[in-house]
Every structure is written in structure tokens, then in C-alpha cells.
């Protein structure tokens, strides 16, 4: 069964940790804005995927001008973000009319997600209802509680990435349920889906799939591009 695929790319960052006047999703790496590179990753995986970009309302016009400047022609829909990431994803979901198929929710500042990671997530989600990319931590981990800390086994932990891919109908229902509670409890879409009673399926991510939020991350991104 060939399920329709969608990708909601959430790009609501302000770049505060960058100390940049430009929102981080628009910062260029090797002369191309990060967000464009992120969209390209999904287009290169499947040029028929339905791409939705969620941006803060005041930045939509600027994004359109950037697309003209860079002759960026990959077809995508745009919607405005909400007051939280939860609301922004909801706005993206509202643009998807059908209730069958798969949707991946992805951070706009993760441009180095691999075709293999995207493909694995959509494949496992098609088979099992959801798929969340994750990697094993390489550093030692200590748990901090009150004024004390203790070592924990890092083999029991995973670092979570995006795209987090779900059955569309189940994710829409999960968001409806979660909206009745404290949305501040959710840090990602897997948390929303889990709240609705679903088990989460972890799949291998790729270590280059970093979230660019600091000047250090930006330097790493430049280095990654030089190897491609």
C-alpha cells in the first residue's frame, strides 16, 4: 500500500542563542539558508512528499523574498506558527485534509537528516504507526536531583531527533486529546503521541542530524558541509 507522505517542517526559532539578528532558520551555511537545506533533504528523499513549512507570521514575507532571491522552487505550503511549538504543529496538521497516510514532524534547523533516516522513519511508521529517530549518547551521563547527582548507565538512554513520523489520523487524535491537558508538558510530538496511549518505536537516526541552535552548532554545520 503506497501511503501519501507529508512533512511538517517547524521553523519558529528566533536565534537568541546565536546572538544573531537573523532567525536561525534563515542563517546561511555556504550561502544557502538552513531552512532551504532542510526542505531539500525531504524533497531529495521523495519529490512527491507534501511539504508544509510553519513560520512565525511576521517572517513569512521575508521567507518569500528569500525564495525569490535564491530561486528556490521546491513546492511547499506555508502556515503561521502558534504561541508554542505544540500550536505550530497543530496549525501544520490543520492543512492536511486527508486522514490517511503518514506525516513527519521535523525541526527546520536540522538540515543534515539523511535520506536513510527519513526513509526508515516512514517505513517503520507505515508498518507500526509511528517511528522516532534516536541515537545512543557517547558521553557519560549523571542524573541531577535536588542538590545531588549520581551516575547512570548511558546504555539505557537515547538522544531523540526528528523527523518523528506518525499515522496522520492517530496523530491528529493525539493532538486533540493532549490539547485538553497541560501542553507545556510536551517537548516533542512523541510525547503527545505517547500521552494518547501509543507505544513509541525508536529507529536509528544519523549523528550528523544536529539541531543548529548555537554558534558552535553553526561551525559544526559548516564542517559537515565541507565533507559532502
N, C-alpha and C. Protein backbone atom coordinates (compact mmCIF):
# COMPACT_ATOMS: atom_id res chain seq x y z
N UNK A 1 0.84 -1.20 0.00
CA UNK A 1 0.00 0.00 0.00
C UNK A 1 0.88 1.25 0.00
N UNK A 2 0.69 2.12 -0.98
CA UNK A 2 1.51 3.32 -1.11
C UNK A 2 0.82 4.49 -0.40
N UNK A 3 1.23 4.75 0.82
CA UNK A 3 0.60 5.79 1.63
C UNK A 3 1.13 7.17 1.25
N UNK A 4 0.24 8.15 1.22
CA UNK A 4 0.65 9.53 0.98
C UNK A 4 1.52 10.02 2.13
N UNK A 5 2.59 10.71 1.78
CA UNK A 5 3.52 11.21 2.80
C UNK A 5 3.48 12.74 2.86
N UNK A 6 3.55 13.25 4.09
CA UNK A 6 3.64 14.68 4.33
C UNK A 6 4.80 14.95 5.28
N UNK A 7 5.35 16.15 5.20
CA UNK A 7 6.37 16.59 6.16
C UNK A 7 6.00 17.99 6.63
N UNK A 8 5.85 18.13 7.94
CA UNK A 8 5.64 19.45 8.54
C UNK A 8 6.96 19.90 9.12
N UNK A 9 7.51 20.97 8.57
CA UNK A 9 8.81 21.48 9.00
C UNK A 9 8.56 22.73 9.85
N UNK A 10 8.86 22.60 11.13
CA UNK A 10 8.57 23.67 12.09
C UNK A 10 9.80 24.56 12.22
N UNK A 11 9.63 25.84 11.86
CA UNK A 11 10.77 26.77 11.83
C UNK A 11 10.39 28.05 12.55
N UNK A 12 10.32 27.96 13.87
CA UNK A 12 9.87 29.12 14.65
C UNK A 12 10.94 29.76 15.49
N UNK A 13 12.21 29.36 15.28
CA UNK A 13 13.28 29.88 16.13
C UNK A 13 13.57 31.35 15.91
N UNK A 14 14.07 31.98 16.98
CA UNK A 14 14.42 33.40 16.91
C UNK A 14 15.92 33.64 16.87
N UNK A 15 16.72 32.60 17.08
CA UNK A 15 18.17 32.76 17.01
C UNK A 15 18.77 33.45 18.21
N UNK A 16 18.09 33.42 19.36
CA UNK A 16 18.59 34.13 20.53
C UNK A 16 19.92 33.58 21.00
N UNK A 17 20.08 32.24 20.94
CA UNK A 17 21.33 31.64 21.39
C UNK A 17 22.45 31.84 20.37
N UNK A 18 22.11 32.29 19.18
CA UNK A 18 23.10 32.61 18.16
C UNK A 18 23.63 34.03 18.34
N UNK A 19 22.91 34.84 19.12
CA UNK A 19 23.20 36.27 19.18
C UNK A 19 23.17 36.87 17.78
N UNK A 20 22.22 36.38 16.99
CA UNK A 20 22.12 36.83 15.60
C UNK A 20 20.86 37.65 15.41
N UNK A 21 20.95 38.66 14.56
CA UNK A 21 19.77 39.45 14.25
C UNK A 21 18.81 38.69 13.35
N UNK A 22 19.32 37.64 12.71
CA UNK A 22 18.54 36.85 11.77
C UNK A 22 18.04 35.59 12.47
N UNK A 23 16.73 35.26 12.35
CA UNK A 23 16.26 33.99 12.91
C UNK A 23 17.11 32.83 12.40
N UNK A 24 17.38 31.87 13.27
CA UNK A 24 18.37 30.85 12.95
C UNK A 24 18.04 30.03 11.69
N UNK A 25 16.75 29.84 11.41
CA UNK A 25 16.39 29.05 10.23
C UNK A 25 16.76 29.74 8.92
N UNK A 26 17.01 31.04 8.98
CA UNK A 26 17.35 31.81 7.78
C UNK A 26 18.86 32.05 7.65
N UNK A 27 19.62 31.71 8.67
CA UNK A 27 21.06 31.92 8.61
C UNK A 27 21.66 31.05 7.51
N UNK A 28 22.48 31.61 6.64
CA UNK A 28 23.05 30.81 5.54
C UNK A 28 24.23 29.96 6.00
N UNK A 29 24.31 28.76 5.47
CA UNK A 29 25.54 27.98 5.57
C UNK A 29 25.96 27.68 4.14
N UNK A 30 27.17 28.11 3.82
CA UNK A 30 27.67 28.08 2.44
C UNK A 30 26.64 28.73 1.51
N UNK A 31 26.20 29.91 1.91
CA UNK A 31 25.40 30.83 1.09
C UNK A 31 23.95 30.40 0.88
N UNK A 32 23.50 29.33 1.53
CA UNK A 32 22.10 28.92 1.39
C UNK A 32 21.47 28.83 2.78
N UNK A 33 20.30 29.46 2.97
CA UNK A 33 19.64 29.41 4.28
C UNK A 33 19.41 27.98 4.77
N UNK A 34 19.57 27.81 6.09
CA UNK A 34 19.42 26.49 6.70
C UNK A 34 18.09 25.86 6.33
N UNK A 35 17.01 26.62 6.40
CA UNK A 35 15.68 26.08 6.14
C UNK A 35 15.57 25.50 4.73
N UNK A 36 16.19 26.14 3.76
CA UNK A 36 16.15 25.61 2.40
C UNK A 36 16.85 24.27 2.32
N UNK A 37 17.95 24.13 3.01
CA UNK A 37 18.67 22.85 3.00
C UNK A 37 17.82 21.76 3.67
N UNK A 38 17.06 22.14 4.69
CA UNK A 38 16.20 21.17 5.37
C UNK A 38 15.09 20.70 4.44
N UNK A 39 14.46 21.64 3.74
CA UNK A 39 13.40 21.28 2.79
C UNK A 39 13.96 20.37 1.69
N UNK A 40 15.15 20.69 1.22
CA UNK A 40 15.78 19.88 0.16
C UNK A 40 15.98 18.44 0.60
N UNK A 41 16.29 18.22 1.88
CA UNK A 41 16.51 16.86 2.37
C UNK A 41 15.28 15.99 2.16
N UNK A 42 14.10 16.57 2.40
CA UNK A 42 12.87 15.80 2.23
C UNK A 42 12.50 15.65 0.75
N UNK A 43 12.76 16.69 -0.03
CA UNK A 43 12.48 16.63 -1.47
C UNK A 43 13.36 15.58 -2.14
N UNK A 44 14.61 15.49 -1.71
CA UNK A 44 15.52 14.51 -2.31
C UNK A 44 15.16 13.09 -1.88
N UNK A 45 14.52 12.96 -0.73
CA UNK A 45 14.02 11.64 -0.31
C UNK A 45 12.84 11.22 -1.17
N UNK A 46 11.89 12.14 -1.39
CA UNK A 46 10.70 11.83 -2.18
C UNK A 46 10.16 13.14 -2.75
N UNK A 47 10.30 13.32 -4.07
CA UNK A 47 9.89 14.59 -4.66
C UNK A 47 8.38 14.76 -4.76
N UNK A 48 7.64 13.74 -4.29
CA UNK A 48 6.18 13.85 -4.24
C UNK A 48 5.66 14.11 -2.83
N UNK A 49 6.55 14.21 -1.87
CA UNK A 49 6.11 14.41 -0.49
C UNK A 49 5.47 15.80 -0.35
N UNK A 50 4.40 15.89 0.41
CA UNK A 50 3.74 17.17 0.64
C UNK A 50 4.44 17.92 1.77
N UNK A 51 5.05 19.04 1.45
CA UNK A 51 5.85 19.77 2.44
C UNK A 51 5.08 20.99 2.94
N UNK A 52 4.99 21.09 4.27
CA UNK A 52 4.37 22.24 4.93
C UNK A 52 5.42 22.89 5.82
N UNK A 53 5.60 24.18 5.66
CA UNK A 53 6.55 24.94 6.48
C UNK A 53 5.78 25.84 7.42
N UNK A 54 6.10 25.75 8.70
CA UNK A 54 5.44 26.57 9.72
C UNK A 54 6.40 27.66 10.17
N UNK A 55 6.00 28.90 9.95
CA UNK A 55 6.84 30.06 10.25
C UNK A 55 6.08 31.06 11.11
N UNK A 56 6.78 31.85 11.94
CA UNK A 56 6.11 32.95 12.62
C UNK A 56 5.50 33.90 11.59
N UNK A 57 4.31 34.35 11.84
CA UNK A 57 3.58 35.21 10.90
C UNK A 57 4.43 36.37 10.37
N UNK A 58 5.19 37.10 11.24
CA UNK A 58 5.96 38.25 10.73
C UNK A 58 7.09 37.88 9.78
N UNK A 59 7.47 36.58 9.73
CA UNK A 59 8.63 36.17 8.93
C UNK A 59 8.25 35.55 7.59
N UNK A 60 6.95 35.40 7.35
CA UNK A 60 6.52 34.73 6.11
C UNK A 60 6.90 35.55 4.88
N UNK A 61 6.68 36.84 4.93
CA UNK A 61 7.03 37.69 3.78
C UNK A 61 8.53 37.66 3.52
N UNK A 62 9.33 37.68 4.60
CA UNK A 62 10.78 37.63 4.44
C UNK A 62 11.20 36.30 3.80
N UNK A 63 10.56 35.20 4.21
CA UNK A 63 10.85 33.90 3.62
C UNK A 63 10.53 33.88 2.13
N UNK A 64 9.41 34.45 1.77
CA UNK A 64 9.04 34.50 0.36
C UNK A 64 10.08 35.28 -0.45
N UNK A 65 10.60 36.36 0.13
CA UNK A 65 11.64 37.13 -0.55
C UNK A 65 12.93 36.33 -0.68
N UNK A 66 13.26 35.55 0.37
CA UNK A 66 14.44 34.70 0.30
C UNK A 66 14.30 33.66 -0.81
N UNK A 67 13.11 33.10 -0.95
CA UNK A 67 12.88 32.10 -2.00
C UNK A 67 13.10 32.70 -3.39
N UNK A 68 12.65 33.94 -3.57
CA UNK A 68 12.87 34.63 -4.85
C UNK A 68 14.36 34.89 -5.07
N UNK A 69 15.01 35.36 -4.04
CA UNK A 69 16.44 35.69 -4.14
C UNK A 69 17.27 34.47 -4.53
N UNK A 70 16.95 33.31 -3.94
CA UNK A 70 17.73 32.10 -4.18
C UNK A 70 17.13 31.22 -5.28
N UNK A 71 16.08 31.72 -5.94
CA UNK A 71 15.39 30.94 -6.98
C UNK A 71 15.02 29.56 -6.46
N UNK A 72 14.48 29.55 -5.25
CA UNK A 72 14.13 28.30 -4.58
C UNK A 72 12.74 27.87 -5.04
N UNK A 73 12.68 26.75 -5.75
CA UNK A 73 11.44 26.40 -6.46
C UNK A 73 10.75 25.14 -5.94
N UNK A 74 11.26 24.54 -4.85
CA UNK A 74 10.59 23.34 -4.32
C UNK A 74 9.21 23.75 -3.78
N UNK A 75 8.19 23.08 -4.26
CA UNK A 75 6.82 23.44 -3.88
C UNK A 75 6.57 23.11 -2.41
N UNK A 76 6.02 24.07 -1.67
CA UNK A 76 5.67 23.85 -0.27
C UNK A 76 4.57 24.80 0.14
N UNK A 77 3.77 24.37 1.10
CA UNK A 77 2.76 25.23 1.69
C UNK A 77 3.35 25.93 2.90
N UNK A 78 2.80 27.09 3.21
CA UNK A 78 3.26 27.85 4.37
C UNK A 78 2.08 28.14 5.27
N UNK A 79 2.27 27.97 6.57
CA UNK A 79 1.28 28.41 7.54
C UNK A 79 1.98 29.10 8.69
N UNK A 80 1.25 29.91 9.41
CA UNK A 80 1.85 30.66 10.52
C UNK A 80 1.91 29.79 11.77
N UNK A 81 2.90 30.05 12.59
CA UNK A 81 3.07 29.31 13.82
C UNK A 81 2.16 29.81 14.91
N UNK A 82 2.07 29.06 16.00
CA UNK A 82 1.28 29.45 17.16
C UNK A 82 2.17 29.96 18.26
N UNK A 83 1.58 30.13 19.44
CA UNK A 83 2.35 30.71 20.54
C UNK A 83 3.34 29.70 21.13
N UNK A 84 3.13 28.41 20.86
CA UNK A 84 4.08 27.37 21.29
C UNK A 84 4.32 26.42 20.12
N UNK A 85 5.32 25.54 20.28
CA UNK A 85 5.58 24.55 19.24
C UNK A 85 4.37 23.63 19.07
N UNK A 86 3.71 23.30 20.17
CA UNK A 86 2.50 22.48 20.12
C UNK A 86 1.48 23.08 19.17
N UNK A 87 1.21 24.38 19.33
CA UNK A 87 0.23 25.05 18.49
C UNK A 87 0.71 25.15 17.03
N UNK A 88 2.02 25.30 16.85
CA UNK A 88 2.57 25.39 15.49
C UNK A 88 2.36 24.09 14.74
N UNK A 89 2.62 22.96 15.41
CA UNK A 89 2.39 21.67 14.76
C UNK A 89 0.91 21.47 14.47
N UNK A 90 0.06 21.88 15.40
CA UNK A 90 -1.38 21.82 15.17
C UNK A 90 -1.77 22.58 13.90
N UNK A 91 -1.21 23.77 13.73
CA UNK A 91 -1.52 24.57 12.55
C UNK A 91 -1.09 23.85 11.28
N UNK A 92 0.05 23.19 11.34
CA UNK A 92 0.51 22.42 10.19
C UNK A 92 -0.41 21.25 9.90
N UNK A 93 -0.84 20.55 10.95
CA UNK A 93 -1.74 19.41 10.77
C UNK A 93 -3.08 19.85 10.17
N UNK A 94 -3.50 21.05 10.52
CA UNK A 94 -4.79 21.54 10.02
C UNK A 94 -4.79 21.73 8.50
N UNK A 95 -3.60 21.85 7.89
CA UNK A 95 -3.52 22.00 6.44
C UNK A 95 -3.66 20.66 5.71
N UNK A 96 -3.53 19.57 6.45
CA UNK A 96 -3.63 18.24 5.84
C UNK A 96 -5.08 17.80 5.91
N UNK A 97 -5.73 17.77 4.77
CA UNK A 97 -7.16 17.47 4.73
C UNK A 97 -7.45 15.98 4.96
N UNK A 98 -6.62 15.12 4.38
CA UNK A 98 -6.91 13.70 4.47
C UNK A 98 -6.55 13.14 5.84
N UNK A 99 -7.17 12.02 6.18
CA UNK A 99 -6.90 11.35 7.46
C UNK A 99 -6.18 10.03 7.28
N UNK A 100 -5.75 9.76 6.07
CA UNK A 100 -4.96 8.56 5.82
C UNK A 100 -3.59 8.98 5.31
N UNK A 101 -2.60 8.17 5.62
CA UNK A 101 -1.24 8.49 5.19
C UNK A 101 -0.34 8.72 6.38
N UNK A 102 0.83 9.27 6.11
CA UNK A 102 1.86 9.46 7.13
C UNK A 102 2.31 10.92 7.14
N UNK A 103 2.69 11.39 8.32
CA UNK A 103 3.22 12.74 8.44
C UNK A 103 4.45 12.72 9.33
N UNK A 104 5.51 13.37 8.85
CA UNK A 104 6.72 13.52 9.63
C UNK A 104 6.82 14.95 10.14
N UNK A 105 7.10 15.11 11.42
CA UNK A 105 7.29 16.44 12.01
C UNK A 105 8.79 16.63 12.20
N UNK A 106 9.32 17.72 11.63
CA UNK A 106 10.77 17.90 11.61
C UNK A 106 11.15 19.32 12.00
N UNK A 107 12.28 19.44 12.70
CA UNK A 107 12.81 20.76 13.07
C UNK A 107 13.42 21.43 11.84
N UNK A 108 13.07 22.69 11.64
CA UNK A 108 13.57 23.42 10.48
C UNK A 108 15.06 23.62 10.48
N UNK A 109 15.70 23.48 11.65
CA UNK A 109 17.15 23.69 11.73
C UNK A 109 17.91 22.37 11.90
N UNK A 110 17.35 21.30 11.30
CA UNK A 110 18.07 20.03 11.20
C UNK A 110 18.24 19.71 9.70
N UNK A 111 19.16 20.38 9.03
CA UNK A 111 19.29 20.20 7.58
C UNK A 111 20.04 18.95 7.15
N UNK A 112 20.68 18.24 8.10
CA UNK A 112 21.54 17.12 7.73
C UNK A 112 20.92 15.76 8.02
N UNK A 113 19.60 15.72 8.17
CA UNK A 113 18.95 14.42 8.30
C UNK A 113 19.19 13.66 7.00
N UNK A 114 19.56 12.40 7.12
CA UNK A 114 19.92 11.62 5.93
C UNK A 114 18.69 11.03 5.25
N UNK A 115 18.86 10.72 3.98
CA UNK A 115 17.77 10.07 3.23
C UNK A 115 17.43 8.73 3.89
N UNK A 116 18.44 8.04 4.41
CA UNK A 116 18.22 6.75 5.06
C UNK A 116 17.38 6.91 6.32
N UNK A 117 17.68 7.94 7.12
CA UNK A 117 16.91 8.16 8.34
C UNK A 117 15.45 8.48 8.02
N UNK A 118 15.25 9.38 7.06
CA UNK A 118 13.88 9.73 6.66
C UNK A 118 13.14 8.49 6.17
N UNK A 119 13.80 7.73 5.30
CA UNK A 119 13.18 6.54 4.73
C UNK A 119 12.83 5.50 5.78
N UNK A 120 13.75 5.26 6.73
CA UNK A 120 13.49 4.29 7.79
C UNK A 120 12.31 4.72 8.65
N UNK A 121 12.23 6.01 8.95
CA UNK A 121 11.14 6.52 9.78
C UNK A 121 9.79 6.32 9.10
N UNK A 122 9.71 6.65 7.82
CA UNK A 122 8.44 6.48 7.11
C UNK A 122 8.09 5.01 6.94
N UNK A 123 9.08 4.17 6.71
CA UNK A 123 8.81 2.75 6.53
C UNK A 123 8.28 2.12 7.81
N UNK A 124 8.95 2.38 8.93
CA UNK A 124 8.51 1.78 10.20
C UNK A 124 7.17 2.36 10.63
N UNK A 125 6.96 3.65 10.38
CA UNK A 125 5.67 4.26 10.72
C UNK A 125 4.54 3.64 9.91
N UNK A 126 4.82 3.31 8.65
CA UNK A 126 3.81 2.67 7.81
C UNK A 126 3.43 1.30 8.37
N UNK A 127 4.42 0.61 8.96
CA UNK A 127 4.19 -0.73 9.47
C UNK A 127 3.63 -0.73 10.90
N UNK A 128 4.07 0.25 11.72
CA UNK A 128 3.76 0.18 13.14
C UNK A 128 3.08 1.43 13.71
N UNK A 129 2.78 2.42 12.86
CA UNK A 129 2.02 3.58 13.32
C UNK A 129 2.84 4.79 13.72
N UNK A 130 4.12 4.59 14.03
CA UNK A 130 5.00 5.72 14.36
C UNK A 130 6.44 5.27 14.32
N UNK A 131 7.34 6.24 14.18
CA UNK A 131 8.77 5.95 14.22
C UNK A 131 9.51 7.22 14.62
N UNK A 132 10.39 7.09 15.62
CA UNK A 132 11.12 8.23 16.17
C UNK A 132 12.61 7.96 16.05
N UNK A 133 13.38 8.80 15.34
CA UNK A 133 14.82 8.55 15.21
C UNK A 133 15.56 8.90 16.50
N UNK A 134 16.53 8.07 16.83
CA UNK A 134 17.28 8.27 18.07
C UNK A 134 18.70 7.76 17.90
N UNK A 135 19.61 8.34 18.66
CA UNK A 135 20.99 7.88 18.65
C UNK A 135 21.44 7.63 20.09
N UNK A 136 22.45 6.78 20.24
CA UNK A 136 22.98 6.48 21.57
C UNK A 136 23.91 7.60 22.02
N UNK A 137 23.84 8.01 23.29
CA UNK A 137 24.79 9.01 23.79
C UNK A 137 26.19 8.42 23.86
N UNK A 138 27.18 9.27 23.62
CA UNK A 138 28.57 8.80 23.69
C UNK A 138 29.26 9.29 24.95
N UNK A 139 28.69 10.28 25.62
CA UNK A 139 29.26 10.80 26.86
C UNK A 139 28.69 10.05 28.06
N UNK A 140 29.41 10.10 29.16
CA UNK A 140 28.87 9.59 30.41
C UNK A 140 27.72 10.49 30.85
N UNK A 141 26.77 9.90 31.57
CA UNK A 141 25.59 10.64 32.00
C UNK A 141 25.45 10.56 33.51
N UNK A 142 25.11 11.69 34.13
CA UNK A 142 24.79 11.72 35.55
C UNK A 142 23.42 12.34 35.73
N UNK A 143 22.64 11.78 36.61
CA UNK A 143 21.31 12.29 36.92
C UNK A 143 21.41 13.28 38.07
N UNK A 144 20.88 14.48 37.87
CA UNK A 144 20.90 15.53 38.89
C UNK A 144 19.52 15.60 39.52
N UNK A 145 19.48 15.48 40.83
CA UNK A 145 18.21 15.53 41.55
C UNK A 145 18.41 16.29 42.85
N UNK A 146 17.64 17.37 43.00
CA UNK A 146 17.82 18.28 44.13
C UNK A 146 19.26 18.77 44.15
N UNK A 147 20.00 18.55 45.21
CA UNK A 147 21.38 19.05 45.25
C UNK A 147 22.40 17.92 45.13
N UNK A 148 21.95 16.77 44.63
CA UNK A 148 22.85 15.64 44.50
C UNK A 148 22.83 15.13 43.05
N UNK A 149 23.83 14.31 42.71
CA UNK A 149 23.85 13.71 41.38
C UNK A 149 24.45 12.31 41.47
N UNK A 150 24.10 11.48 40.50
CA UNK A 150 24.63 10.12 40.51
C UNK A 150 24.79 9.63 39.08
N UNK A 151 25.73 8.72 38.89
CA UNK A 151 25.98 8.15 37.57
C UNK A 151 24.85 7.20 37.19
N UNK A 152 24.50 7.24 35.89
CA UNK A 152 23.51 6.30 35.36
C UNK A 152 24.10 5.62 34.14
N UNK A 153 23.53 4.50 33.75
CA UNK A 153 24.02 3.71 32.63
C UNK A 153 23.54 4.34 31.33
N UNK A 154 24.46 4.88 30.55
CA UNK A 154 24.06 5.56 29.31
C UNK A 154 23.43 4.60 28.30
N UNK A 155 23.67 3.30 28.45
CA UNK A 155 23.07 2.33 27.53
C UNK A 155 21.54 2.31 27.64
N UNK A 156 21.02 2.85 28.74
CA UNK A 156 19.57 2.89 28.95
C UNK A 156 18.93 4.16 28.41
N UNK A 157 19.70 5.02 27.76
CA UNK A 157 19.18 6.31 27.30
C UNK A 157 19.41 6.50 25.81
N UNK A 158 18.58 7.33 25.19
CA UNK A 158 18.72 7.67 23.79
C UNK A 158 18.50 9.18 23.61
N UNK A 159 19.19 9.75 22.64
CA UNK A 159 19.01 11.14 22.27
C UNK A 159 18.05 11.18 21.09
N UNK A 160 16.98 11.95 21.22
CA UNK A 160 15.89 11.92 20.26
C UNK A 160 16.07 12.99 19.19
N UNK A 161 15.77 12.62 17.95
CA UNK A 161 15.89 13.52 16.81
C UNK A 161 14.53 13.67 16.12
N UNK A 162 14.54 14.30 15.00
CA UNK A 162 13.39 14.35 14.09
C UNK A 162 13.92 13.98 12.70
N UNK A 163 13.04 13.55 11.76
CA UNK A 163 11.58 13.64 11.77
C UNK A 163 10.94 12.54 12.61
N UNK A 164 9.91 12.93 13.36
CA UNK A 164 9.11 11.97 14.09
C UNK A 164 7.87 11.72 13.22
N UNK A 165 7.72 10.47 12.78
CA UNK A 165 6.73 10.15 11.75
C UNK A 165 5.59 9.34 12.36
N UNK A 166 4.36 9.70 11.94
CA UNK A 166 3.16 9.10 12.53
C UNK A 166 2.09 8.83 11.48
N UNK A 167 1.21 7.91 11.81
CA UNK A 167 -0.06 7.78 11.10
C UNK A 167 -0.83 9.08 11.31
N UNK A 168 -1.29 9.70 10.23
CA UNK A 168 -1.91 11.03 10.33
C UNK A 168 -3.12 11.04 11.25
N UNK A 169 -4.02 10.10 11.05
CA UNK A 169 -5.25 10.10 11.84
C UNK A 169 -4.96 9.94 13.33
N UNK A 170 -4.03 9.05 13.66
CA UNK A 170 -3.69 8.83 15.07
C UNK A 170 -3.02 10.07 15.68
N UNK A 171 -2.18 10.75 14.89
CA UNK A 171 -1.52 11.94 15.44
C UNK A 171 -2.53 13.08 15.65
N UNK A 172 -3.44 13.25 14.70
CA UNK A 172 -4.46 14.29 14.86
C UNK A 172 -5.29 14.05 16.13
N UNK A 173 -5.66 12.79 16.35
CA UNK A 173 -6.44 12.45 17.53
C UNK A 173 -5.62 12.67 18.80
N UNK A 174 -4.34 12.32 18.75
CA UNK A 174 -3.46 12.53 19.91
C UNK A 174 -3.37 14.02 20.26
N UNK A 175 -3.28 14.86 19.23
CA UNK A 175 -3.21 16.30 19.49
C UNK A 175 -4.53 16.81 20.06
N UNK A 176 -5.64 16.27 19.61
CA UNK A 176 -6.93 16.69 20.17
C UNK A 176 -7.01 16.32 21.65
N UNK A 177 -6.54 15.13 21.99
CA UNK A 177 -6.57 14.71 23.40
C UNK A 177 -5.62 15.56 24.24
N UNK A 178 -4.41 15.76 23.73
CA UNK A 178 -3.40 16.49 24.51
C UNK A 178 -3.79 17.94 24.74
N UNK A 179 -4.54 18.53 23.81
CA UNK A 179 -4.95 19.93 23.93
C UNK A 179 -5.81 20.17 25.17
N UNK A 180 -6.39 19.09 25.71
CA UNK A 180 -7.24 19.23 26.90
C UNK A 180 -6.42 19.28 28.18
N UNK A 181 -5.13 18.97 28.08
CA UNK A 181 -4.28 18.95 29.27
C UNK A 181 -3.29 20.10 29.28
N UNK A 182 -2.16 19.89 29.95
CA UNK A 182 -1.11 20.92 30.04
C UNK A 182 -0.12 20.71 28.91
N UNK A 183 -0.25 21.51 27.87
CA UNK A 183 0.61 21.31 26.69
C UNK A 183 2.07 21.61 26.98
N UNK A 184 2.35 22.31 28.07
CA UNK A 184 3.74 22.61 28.42
C UNK A 184 4.50 21.36 28.86
N UNK A 185 3.77 20.27 29.10
CA UNK A 185 4.42 19.02 29.49
C UNK A 185 5.10 18.33 28.30
N UNK A 186 4.76 18.77 27.09
CA UNK A 186 5.25 18.06 25.90
C UNK A 186 6.43 18.80 25.28
N UNK A 187 7.54 18.08 25.11
CA UNK A 187 8.72 18.67 24.48
C UNK A 187 8.85 18.25 23.02
N UNK A 188 8.09 17.23 22.62
CA UNK A 188 8.12 16.81 21.22
C UNK A 188 6.82 16.08 20.89
N UNK A 189 6.70 15.67 19.64
CA UNK A 189 5.47 15.03 19.18
C UNK A 189 5.35 13.60 19.69
N UNK A 190 6.47 12.95 19.94
CA UNK A 190 6.43 11.61 20.51
C UNK A 190 5.76 11.65 21.88
N UNK A 191 6.01 12.71 22.65
CA UNK A 191 5.38 12.85 23.96
C UNK A 191 3.87 12.99 23.84
N UNK A 192 3.42 13.74 22.83
CA UNK A 192 1.98 13.90 22.58
C UNK A 192 1.37 12.55 22.21
N UNK A 193 2.04 11.83 21.34
CA UNK A 193 1.54 10.53 20.86
C UNK A 193 1.50 9.52 22.01
N UNK A 194 2.51 9.54 22.84
CA UNK A 194 2.59 8.63 23.99
C UNK A 194 1.48 8.95 25.00
N UNK A 195 1.19 10.24 25.18
CA UNK A 195 0.14 10.67 26.09
C UNK A 195 -1.21 10.07 25.70
N UNK A 196 -1.40 9.86 24.39
CA UNK A 196 -2.66 9.30 23.88
C UNK A 196 -2.70 7.78 24.00
N UNK A 197 -1.67 7.19 24.59
CA UNK A 197 -1.70 5.75 24.86
C UNK A 197 -0.95 4.88 23.89
N UNK A 198 -0.17 5.49 22.99
CA UNK A 198 0.56 4.71 21.99
C UNK A 198 1.99 4.42 22.45
N UNK A 199 2.47 3.22 22.17
CA UNK A 199 3.87 2.89 22.40
C UNK A 199 4.72 3.55 21.31
N UNK A 200 5.92 3.98 21.68
CA UNK A 200 6.81 4.68 20.75
C UNK A 200 7.85 3.72 20.19
N UNK A 201 8.02 3.77 18.87
CA UNK A 201 9.02 2.94 18.20
C UNK A 201 10.25 3.76 17.86
N UNK A 202 11.39 3.39 18.42
CA UNK A 202 12.64 4.08 18.13
C UNK A 202 13.35 3.41 16.96
N UNK A 203 13.89 4.23 16.06
CA UNK A 203 14.68 3.73 14.93
C UNK A 203 16.01 4.49 14.93
N UNK A 204 17.04 3.93 14.32
CA UNK A 204 18.34 4.61 14.32
C UNK A 204 18.28 5.94 13.55
N UNK A 205 18.81 6.99 14.18
CA UNK A 205 18.97 8.26 13.50
C UNK A 205 20.35 8.35 12.89
N UNK A 206 20.74 9.55 12.45
CA UNK A 206 22.12 9.73 11.98
C UNK A 206 22.76 10.85 12.78
N UNK A 207 24.02 10.63 13.17
CA UNK A 207 24.67 11.53 14.11
C UNK A 207 24.85 12.94 13.54
N UNK A 208 24.90 13.08 12.20
CA UNK A 208 25.04 14.41 11.61
C UNK A 208 23.75 15.23 11.72
N UNK A 209 22.67 14.59 12.10
CA UNK A 209 21.36 15.22 12.15
C UNK A 209 21.24 16.13 13.38
N UNK A 210 22.12 17.11 13.44
CA UNK A 210 22.17 18.00 14.60
C UNK A 210 21.13 19.11 14.46
N UNK A 211 20.73 19.64 15.61
CA UNK A 211 19.83 20.78 15.64
C UNK A 211 20.69 22.03 15.82
N UNK A 212 20.67 22.90 14.84
CA UNK A 212 21.56 24.07 14.85
C UNK A 212 20.93 25.18 15.68
N UNK A 213 21.44 25.36 16.90
CA UNK A 213 20.86 26.36 17.80
C UNK A 213 21.90 27.33 18.38
N UNK A 214 23.18 27.01 18.24
CA UNK A 214 24.22 27.86 18.80
C UNK A 214 25.28 28.16 17.74
N UNK A 215 26.18 29.09 18.05
CA UNK A 215 27.26 29.41 17.12
C UNK A 215 28.19 28.21 16.95
N UNK A 216 28.34 27.41 18.00
CA UNK A 216 29.15 26.19 17.88
C UNK A 216 28.51 25.23 16.88
N UNK A 217 27.17 25.06 16.99
CA UNK A 217 26.47 24.19 16.04
C UNK A 217 26.66 24.68 14.61
N UNK A 218 26.67 25.99 14.45
CA UNK A 218 26.83 26.57 13.11
C UNK A 218 28.21 26.22 12.55
N UNK A 219 29.22 26.27 13.40
CA UNK A 219 30.57 25.90 12.97
C UNK A 219 30.63 24.42 12.59
N UNK A 220 29.94 23.58 13.37
CA UNK A 220 29.89 22.15 13.06
C UNK A 220 29.18 21.93 11.72
N UNK A 221 28.10 22.68 11.50
CA UNK A 221 27.35 22.56 10.24
C UNK A 221 28.23 22.90 9.04
N UNK A 222 29.02 23.95 9.16
CA UNK A 222 29.92 24.32 8.08
C UNK A 222 30.91 23.19 7.81
N UNK A 223 31.40 22.57 8.88
CA UNK A 223 32.36 21.47 8.72
C UNK A 223 31.69 20.26 8.06
N UNK A 224 30.45 19.97 8.44
CA UNK A 224 29.74 18.83 7.84
C UNK A 224 29.58 19.05 6.34
N UNK A 225 29.22 20.27 5.95
CA UNK A 225 29.01 20.57 4.53
C UNK A 225 30.29 20.38 3.74
N UNK A 226 31.42 20.68 4.34
CA UNK A 226 32.70 20.54 3.64
C UNK A 226 33.02 19.09 3.33
N UNK A 227 32.41 18.17 4.08
CA UNK A 227 32.68 16.74 3.85
C UNK A 227 31.73 16.15 2.82
N UNK A 228 30.71 16.90 2.42
CA UNK A 228 29.71 16.37 1.49
C UNK A 228 30.09 16.67 0.05
